[in-house]
Full PDB file with SEQRES, HELIX, SHEET, SSBOND, CRYST1, ORIGX, SCALE, CONECT and MASTER records, all heavy atoms in Angstrom:
SEQRES   1 A   31  PRO VAL LYS ALA LYS LYS GLN LYS ARG VAL SER GLY SER          
SEQRES   2 A   31  PRO ASP GLN GLU ALA SER VAL GLU LEU VAL VAL GLY LEU          
SEQRES   3 A   31  GLU PRO SER ARG SER                                          
HELIX    1 AA1 VAL A    2  LYS A    8  1                                   7    
HELIX    2 AA2 PRO A   14  VAL A   24  1                                  11    
CRYST1    1.000    1.000    1.000  90.00  90.00  90.00 P 1           1          
ORIGX1      1.000000  0.000000  0.000000        0.00000                         
ORIGX2      0.000000  1.000000  0.000000        0.00000                         
ORIGX3      0.000000  0.000000  1.000000        0.00000                         
SCALE1      1.000000  0.000000  0.000000        0.00000                         
SCALE2      0.000000  1.000000  0.000000        0.00000                         
SCALE3      0.000000  0.000000  1.000000        0.00000                         
ATOM      1  N   PRO A   1     147.921  10.617  65.200  1.00  0.00           N  
ATOM      2  CA  PRO A   1     148.935   9.941  64.396  1.00  0.00           C  
ATOM      3  C   PRO A   1     148.746  10.158  62.907  1.00  0.00           C  
ATOM      4  O   PRO A   1     149.704  10.264  62.149  1.00  0.00           O  
ATOM      5  CB  PRO A   1     148.743   8.470  64.782  1.00  0.00           C  
ATOM      6  CG  PRO A   1     148.135   8.512  66.131  1.00  0.00           C  
ATOM      7  CD  PRO A   1     147.271   9.733  66.154  1.00  0.00           C  
ATOM      8  N   VAL A   2     147.485  10.229  62.456  1.00  0.00           N  
ATOM      9  CA  VAL A   2     147.238  10.417  61.024  1.00  0.00           C  
ATOM     10  C   VAL A   2     147.784  11.757  60.575  1.00  0.00           C  
ATOM     11  O   VAL A   2     148.451  11.875  59.541  1.00  0.00           O  
ATOM     12  CB  VAL A   2     145.728  10.335  60.727  1.00  0.00           C  
ATOM     13  CG1 VAL A   2     145.479  10.671  59.262  1.00  0.00           C  
ATOM     14  CG2 VAL A   2     145.206   8.944  61.048  1.00  0.00           C  
ATOM     15  N   LYS A   3     147.513  12.826  61.372  1.00  0.00           N  
ATOM     16  CA  LYS A   3     147.975  14.153  60.980  1.00  0.00           C  
ATOM     17  C   LYS A   3     149.483  14.214  60.989  1.00  0.00           C  
ATOM     18  O   LYS A   3     150.119  14.765  60.094  1.00  0.00           O  
ATOM     19  CB  LYS A   3     147.391  15.178  61.936  1.00  0.00           C  
ATOM     20  CG  LYS A   3     147.708  16.609  61.593  1.00  0.00           C  
ATOM     21  CD  LYS A   3     147.079  17.000  60.282  1.00  0.00           C  
ATOM     22  CE  LYS A   3     145.578  16.903  60.369  1.00  0.00           C  
ATOM     23  NZ  LYS A   3     145.007  17.789  61.381  1.00  0.00           N  
ATOM     24  N   ALA A   4     150.114  13.599  62.042  1.00  0.00           N  
ATOM     25  CA  ALA A   4     151.563  13.650  62.145  1.00  0.00           C  
ATOM     26  C   ALA A   4     152.207  12.951  60.972  1.00  0.00           C  
ATOM     27  O   ALA A   4     153.187  13.413  60.410  1.00  0.00           O  
ATOM     28  CB  ALA A   4     152.003  13.005  63.458  1.00  0.00           C  
ATOM     29  N   LYS A   5     151.595  11.818  60.561  1.00  0.00           N  
ATOM     30  CA  LYS A   5     152.143  11.083  59.432  1.00  0.00           C  
ATOM     31  C   LYS A   5     152.080  11.903  58.170  1.00  0.00           C  
ATOM     32  O   LYS A   5     152.996  11.932  57.359  1.00  0.00           O  
ATOM     33  CB  LYS A   5     151.387   9.762  59.264  1.00  0.00           C  
ATOM     34  CG  LYS A   5     151.976   8.870  58.195  1.00  0.00           C  
ATOM     35  CD  LYS A   5     151.238   7.537  58.159  1.00  0.00           C  
ATOM     36  CE  LYS A   5     151.810   6.638  57.098  1.00  0.00           C  
ATOM     37  NZ  LYS A   5     151.110   5.345  57.021  1.00  0.00           N  
ATOM     38  N   LYS A   6     150.971  12.576  57.981  1.00  0.00           N  
ATOM     39  CA  LYS A   6     150.810  13.400  56.789  1.00  0.00           C  
ATOM     40  C   LYS A   6     151.821  14.536  56.770  1.00  0.00           C  
ATOM     41  O   LYS A   6     152.411  14.859  55.748  1.00  0.00           O  
ATOM     42  CB  LYS A   6     149.389  13.957  56.723  1.00  0.00           C  
ATOM     43  CG  LYS A   6     148.313  12.916  56.420  1.00  0.00           C  
ATOM     44  CD  LYS A   6     148.405  12.464  54.979  1.00  0.00           C  
ATOM     45  CE  LYS A   6     147.269  11.519  54.640  1.00  0.00           C  
ATOM     46  NZ  LYS A   6     147.326  11.083  53.241  1.00  0.00           N  
ATOM     47  N   GLN A   7     152.038  15.129  57.925  1.00  0.00           N  
ATOM     48  CA  GLN A   7     152.930  16.283  57.960  1.00  0.00           C  
ATOM     49  C   GLN A   7     154.383  15.876  57.763  1.00  0.00           C  
ATOM     50  O   GLN A   7     155.163  16.608  57.182  1.00  0.00           O  
ATOM     51  CB  GLN A   7     152.766  17.003  59.297  1.00  0.00           C  
ATOM     52  CG  GLN A   7     151.414  17.705  59.426  1.00  0.00           C  
ATOM     53  CD  GLN A   7     151.233  18.361  60.760  1.00  0.00           C  
ATOM     54  OE1 GLN A   7     152.007  18.119  61.684  1.00  0.00           O  
ATOM     55  NE2 GLN A   7     150.218  19.191  60.875  1.00  0.00           N  
ATOM     56  N   LYS A   8     154.741  14.672  58.202  1.00  0.00           N  
ATOM     57  CA  LYS A   8     156.110  14.224  58.004  1.00  0.00           C  
ATOM     58  C   LYS A   8     156.428  14.021  56.535  1.00  0.00           C  
ATOM     59  O   LYS A   8     157.556  14.145  56.110  1.00  0.00           O  
ATOM     60  CB  LYS A   8     156.341  12.920  58.773  1.00  0.00           C  
ATOM     61  CG  LYS A   8     156.457  13.116  60.282  1.00  0.00           C  
ATOM     62  CD  LYS A   8     156.650  11.782  60.977  1.00  0.00           C  
ATOM     63  CE  LYS A   8     156.728  11.963  62.479  1.00  0.00           C  
ATOM     64  NZ  LYS A   8     156.894  10.674  63.180  1.00  0.00           N  
ATOM     65  N   ARG A   9     155.445  13.668  55.757  1.00  0.00           N  
ATOM     66  CA  ARG A   9     155.663  13.382  54.346  1.00  0.00           C  
ATOM     67  C   ARG A   9     155.682  14.646  53.513  1.00  0.00           C  
ATOM     68  O   ARG A   9     155.932  14.603  52.329  1.00  0.00           O  
ATOM     69  CB  ARG A   9     154.570  12.427  53.838  1.00  0.00           C  
ATOM     70  CG  ARG A   9     154.649  11.042  54.504  1.00  0.00           C  
ATOM     71  CD  ARG A   9     153.504  10.169  54.074  1.00  0.00           C  
ATOM     72  NE  ARG A   9     153.504  10.008  52.629  1.00  0.00           N  
ATOM     73  CZ  ARG A   9     152.521   9.379  51.968  1.00  0.00           C  
ATOM     74  NH1 ARG A   9     151.494   8.899  52.625  1.00  0.00           N  
ATOM     75  NH2 ARG A   9     152.581   9.247  50.657  1.00  0.00           N  
ATOM     76  N   VAL A  10     155.350  15.795  54.083  1.00  0.00           N  
ATOM     77  CA  VAL A  10     155.291  17.042  53.325  1.00  0.00           C  
ATOM     78  C   VAL A  10     156.283  18.020  53.925  1.00  0.00           C  
ATOM     79  O   VAL A  10     156.196  18.359  55.108  1.00  0.00           O  
ATOM     80  CB  VAL A  10     153.875  17.648  53.366  1.00  0.00           C  
ATOM     81  CG1 VAL A  10     153.870  18.955  52.599  1.00  0.00           C  
ATOM     82  CG2 VAL A  10     152.885  16.672  52.772  1.00  0.00           C  
ATOM     83  N   SER A  11     157.198  18.448  53.146  1.00  0.00           N  
ATOM     84  CA  SER A  11     158.144  19.445  53.626  1.00  0.00           C  
ATOM     85  C   SER A  11     157.887  20.750  52.897  1.00  0.00           C  
ATOM     86  O   SER A  11     157.482  20.754  51.740  1.00  0.00           O  
ATOM     87  CB  SER A  11     159.583  18.975  53.367  1.00  0.00           C  
ATOM     88  OG  SER A  11     159.805  18.792  51.986  1.00  0.00           O  
ATOM     89  N   GLY A  12     158.142  21.835  53.555  1.00  0.00           N  
ATOM     90  CA  GLY A  12     157.935  23.114  52.900  1.00  0.00           C  
ATOM     91  C   GLY A  12     157.381  24.119  53.860  1.00  0.00           C  
ATOM     92  O   GLY A  12     157.564  24.043  55.074  1.00  0.00           O  
ATOM     93  N   SER A  13     156.634  25.043  53.336  1.00  0.00           N  
ATOM     94  CA  SER A  13     156.141  26.159  54.116  1.00  0.00           C  
ATOM     95  C   SER A  13     154.976  25.755  54.999  1.00  0.00           C  
ATOM     96  O   SER A  13     154.337  24.740  54.775  1.00  0.00           O  
ATOM     97  CB  SER A  13     155.681  27.277  53.170  1.00  0.00           C  
ATOM     98  OG  SER A  13     154.547  26.847  52.466  1.00  0.00           O  
ATOM     99  N   PRO A  14     154.628  26.534  55.999  1.00  0.00           N  
ATOM    100  CA  PRO A  14     153.436  26.269  56.834  1.00  0.00           C  
ATOM    101  C   PRO A  14     152.168  26.226  56.011  1.00  0.00           C  
ATOM    102  O   PRO A  14     151.229  25.526  56.344  1.00  0.00           O  
ATOM    103  CB  PRO A  14     153.429  27.445  57.815  1.00  0.00           C  
ATOM    104  CG  PRO A  14     154.854  27.904  57.867  1.00  0.00           C  
ATOM    105  CD  PRO A  14     155.411  27.675  56.501  1.00  0.00           C  
ATOM    106  N   ASP A  15     152.115  26.977  54.896  1.00  0.00           N  
ATOM    107  CA  ASP A  15     150.924  26.942  54.044  1.00  0.00           C  
ATOM    108  C   ASP A  15     150.717  25.557  53.466  1.00  0.00           C  
ATOM    109  O   ASP A  15     149.592  25.078  53.311  1.00  0.00           O  
ATOM    110  CB  ASP A  15     151.050  27.962  52.905  1.00  0.00           C  
ATOM    111  CG  ASP A  15     150.977  29.394  53.424  1.00  0.00           C  
ATOM    112  OD1 ASP A  15     150.451  29.562  54.547  1.00  0.00           O  
ATOM    113  OD2 ASP A  15     151.440  30.294  52.710  1.00  0.00           O  
ATOM    114  N   GLN A  16     151.795  24.891  53.083  1.00  0.00           N  
ATOM    115  CA  GLN A  16     151.674  23.546  52.529  1.00  0.00           C  
ATOM    116  C   GLN A  16     151.150  22.578  53.578  1.00  0.00           C  
ATOM    117  O   GLN A  16     150.327  21.721  53.300  1.00  0.00           O  
ATOM    118  CB  GLN A  16     153.043  23.078  52.010  1.00  0.00           C  
ATOM    119  CG  GLN A  16     153.490  23.798  50.740  1.00  0.00           C  
ATOM    120  CD  GLN A  16     154.885  23.373  50.328  1.00  0.00           C  
ATOM    121  OE1 GLN A  16     155.799  23.374  51.148  1.00  0.00           O  
ATOM    122  NE2 GLN A  16     155.033  23.024  49.086  1.00  0.00           N  
ATOM    123  N   GLU A  17     151.674  22.707  54.817  1.00  0.00           N  
ATOM    124  CA  GLU A  17     151.189  21.845  55.873  1.00  0.00           C  
ATOM    125  C   GLU A  17     149.719  22.113  56.165  1.00  0.00           C  
ATOM    126  O   GLU A  17     148.940  21.203  56.422  1.00  0.00           O  
ATOM    127  CB  GLU A  17     152.017  22.058  57.136  1.00  0.00           C  
ATOM    128  CG  GLU A  17     153.459  21.590  56.988  1.00  0.00           C  
ATOM    129  CD  GLU A  17     154.218  21.655  58.301  1.00  0.00           C  
ATOM    130  OE1 GLU A  17     153.582  22.048  59.307  1.00  0.00           O  
ATOM    131  OE2 GLU A  17     155.407  21.320  58.310  1.00  0.00           O  
ATOM    132  N   ALA A  18     149.297  23.344  56.100  1.00  0.00           N  
ATOM    133  CA  ALA A  18     147.886  23.681  56.337  1.00  0.00           C  
ATOM    134  C   ALA A  18     147.004  23.041  55.289  1.00  0.00           C  
ATOM    135  O   ALA A  18     145.893  22.598  55.575  1.00  0.00           O  
ATOM    136  CB  ALA A  18     147.711  25.199  56.334  1.00  0.00           C  
ATOM    137  N   SER A  19     147.480  22.979  54.040  1.00  0.00           N  
ATOM    138  CA  SER A  19     146.672  22.371  52.985  1.00  0.00           C  
ATOM    139  C   SER A  19     146.487  20.891  53.229  1.00  0.00           C  
ATOM    140  O   SER A  19     145.446  20.320  52.933  1.00  0.00           O  
ATOM    141  CB  SER A  19     147.323  22.608  51.619  1.00  0.00           C  
ATOM    142  OG  SER A  19     148.558  21.918  51.526  1.00  0.00           O  
ATOM    143  N   VAL A  20     147.498  20.231  53.790  1.00  0.00           N  
ATOM    144  CA  VAL A  20     147.371  18.820  54.127  1.00  0.00           C  
ATOM    145  C   VAL A  20     146.332  18.631  55.212  1.00  0.00           C  
ATOM    146  O   VAL A  20     145.489  17.737  55.155  1.00  0.00           O  
ATOM    147  CB  VAL A  20     148.737  18.248  54.580  1.00  0.00           C  
ATOM    148  CG1 VAL A  20     148.574  16.820  55.071  1.00  0.00           C  
ATOM    149  CG2 VAL A  20     149.729  18.314  53.429  1.00  0.00           C  
ATOM    150  N   GLU A  21     146.346  19.497  56.226  1.00  0.00           N  
ATOM    151  CA  GLU A  21     145.362  19.399  57.301  1.00  0.00           C  
ATOM    152  C   GLU A  21     143.954  19.551  56.761  1.00  0.00           C  
ATOM    153  O   GLU A  21     143.024  18.886  57.194  1.00  0.00           O  
ATOM    154  CB  GLU A  21     145.637  20.452  58.360  1.00  0.00           C  
ATOM    155  CG  GLU A  21     146.957  20.223  59.115  1.00  0.00           C  
ATOM    156  CD  GLU A  21     147.187  21.286  60.158  1.00  0.00           C  
ATOM    157  OE1 GLU A  21     146.266  22.121  60.344  1.00  0.00           O  
ATOM    158  OE2 GLU A  21     148.255  21.287  60.775  1.00  0.00           O  
ATOM    159  N   LEU A  22     143.758  20.412  55.792  1.00  0.00           N  
ATOM    160  CA  LEU A  22     142.438  20.635  55.219  1.00  0.00           C  
ATOM    161  C   LEU A  22     141.946  19.380  54.525  1.00  0.00           C  
ATOM    162  O   LEU A  22     140.788  18.986  54.653  1.00  0.00           O  
ATOM    163  CB  LEU A  22     142.492  21.800  54.219  1.00  0.00           C  
ATOM    164  CG  LEU A  22     141.183  22.125  53.493  1.00  0.00           C  
ATOM    165  CD1 LEU A  22     140.103  22.495  54.517  1.00  0.00           C  
ATOM    166  CD2 LEU A  22     141.389  23.254  52.489  1.00  0.00           C  
ATOM    167  N   VAL A  23     142.809  18.684  53.799  1.00  0.00           N  
ATOM    168  CA  VAL A  23     142.416  17.463  53.101  1.00  0.00           C  
ATOM    169  C   VAL A  23     142.014  16.385  54.090  1.00  0.00           C  
ATOM    170  O   VAL A  23     141.029  15.678  53.920  1.00  0.00           O  
ATOM    171  CB  VAL A  23     143.576  16.964  52.209  1.00  0.00           C  
ATOM    172  CG1 VAL A  23     143.246  15.593  51.641  1.00  0.00           C  
ATOM    173  CG2 VAL A  23     143.826  17.958  51.083  1.00  0.00           C  
ATOM    174  N   VAL A  24     142.776  16.256  55.176  1.00  0.00           N  
ATOM    175  CA  VAL A  24     142.478  15.234  56.168  1.00  0.00           C  
ATOM    176  C   VAL A  24     141.120  15.464  56.797  1.00  0.00           C  
ATOM    177  O   VAL A  24     140.403  14.544  57.143  1.00  0.00           O  
ATOM    178  CB  VAL A  24     143.577  15.218  57.256  1.00  0.00           C  
ATOM    179  CG1 VAL A  24     143.203  14.276  58.384  1.00  0.00           C  
ATOM    180  CG2 VAL A  24     144.909  14.815  56.631  1.00  0.00           C  
ATOM    181  N   GLY A  25     140.699  16.719  56.930  1.00  0.00           N  
ATOM    182  CA  GLY A  25     139.455  17.031  57.615  1.00  0.00           C  
ATOM    183  C   GLY A  25     138.229  17.044  56.738  1.00  0.00           C  
ATOM    184  O   GLY A  25     137.159  17.379  57.195  1.00  0.00           O  
ATOM    185  N   LEU A  26     138.327  16.700  55.456  1.00  0.00           N  
ATOM    186  CA  LEU A  26     137.180  16.759  54.561  1.00  0.00           C  
ATOM    187  C   LEU A  26     136.126  15.735  54.939  1.00  0.00           C  
ATOM    188  O   LEU A  26     136.433  14.666  55.460  1.00  0.00           O  
ATOM    189  CB  LEU A  26     137.629  16.502  53.116  1.00  0.00           C  
ATOM    190  CG  LEU A  26     138.396  17.640  52.425  1.00  0.00           C  
ATOM    191  CD1 LEU A  26     138.833  17.183  51.046  1.00  0.00           C  
ATOM    192  CD2 LEU A  26     137.535  18.885  52.328  1.00  0.00           C  
ATOM    193  N   GLU A  27     134.860  16.039  54.641  1.00  0.00           N  
ATOM    194  CA  GLU A  27     133.773  15.104  54.833  1.00  0.00           C  
ATOM    195  C   GLU A  27     133.951  13.909  53.903  1.00  0.00           C  
ATOM    196  O   GLU A  27     134.458  14.049  52.801  1.00  0.00           O  
ATOM    197  CB  GLU A  27     132.427  15.784  54.513  1.00  0.00           C  
ATOM    198  CG  GLU A  27     131.958  16.744  55.560  1.00  0.00           C  
ATOM    199  CD  GLU A  27     131.447  16.029  56.788  1.00  0.00           C  
ATOM    200  OE1 GLU A  27     130.732  15.029  56.644  1.00  0.00           O  
ATOM    201  OE2 GLU A  27     131.787  16.468  57.893  1.00  0.00           O  
ATOM    202  N   PRO A  28     133.531  12.682  54.315  1.00  0.00           N  
ATOM    203  CA  PRO A  28     133.679  11.516  53.454  1.00  0.00           C  
ATOM    204  C   PRO A  28     132.782  11.619  52.233  1.00  0.00           C  
ATOM    205  O   PRO A  28     131.736  12.255  52.249  1.00  0.00           O  
ATOM    206  CB  PRO A  28     133.256  10.364  54.372  1.00  0.00           C  
ATOM    207  CG  PRO A  28     132.358  10.989  55.381  1.00  0.00           C  
ATOM    208  CD  PRO A  28     132.913  12.370  55.606  1.00  0.00           C  
ATOM    209  N   SER A  29     133.176  10.984  51.171  1.00  0.00           N  
ATOM    210  CA  SER A  29     132.389  10.964  49.948  1.00  0.00           C  
ATOM    211  C   SER A  29     131.188  10.048  50.112  1.00  0.00           C  
ATOM    212  O   SER A  29     131.051   9.349  51.113  1.00  0.00           O  
ATOM    213  CB  SER A  29     133.250  10.466  48.783  1.00  0.00           C  
ATOM    214  OG  SER A  29     133.631   9.128  49.025  1.00  0.00           O  
ATOM    215  N   ARG A  30     130.318  10.027  49.089  1.00  0.00           N  
ATOM    216  CA  ARG A  30     129.146   9.146  49.138  1.00  0.00           C  
ATOM    217  C   ARG A  30     129.560   7.687  49.240  1.00  0.00           C  
ATOM    218  O   ARG A  30     128.954   6.911  49.968  1.00  0.00           O  
ATOM    219  CB  ARG A  30     128.292   9.374  47.885  1.00  0.00           C  
ATOM    220  CG  ARG A  30     127.101   8.412  47.804  1.00  0.00           C  
ATOM    221  CD  ARG A  30     126.202   8.767  46.640  1.00  0.00           C  
ATOM    222  NE  ARG A  30     125.183   7.753  46.467  1.00  0.00           N  
ATOM    223  CZ  ARG A  30     124.105   7.651  47.235  1.00  0.00           C  
ATOM    224  NH1 ARG A  30     123.911   8.493  48.224  1.00  0.00           N  
ATOM    225  NH2 ARG A  30     123.205   6.721  47.007  1.00  0.00           N  
ATOM    226  N   SER A  31     130.627   7.298  48.523  1.00  0.00           N  
ATOM    227  CA  SER A  31     131.086   5.913  48.592  1.00  0.00           C  
ATOM    228  C   SER A  31     131.552   5.585  50.006  1.00  0.00           C  
ATOM    229  O   SER A  31     131.358   4.470  50.497  1.00  0.00           O  
ATOM    230  CB  SER A  31     132.216   5.679  47.596  1.00  0.00           C  
ATOM    231  OG  SER A  31     133.316   6.504  47.896  1.00  0.00           O  
TER     232      SER A  31                                                      
MASTER        0    0    0    2    0    0    0    6  231    1    0    3          
END                                                                             
């Protein structure tokens, strides 16, 4: 659901959607 929500909010090319997926998969920060 998190990925689907992110993708719905971004319209454009497949490259843009791929960049959103990359952000979602990042390791958590120290905080």
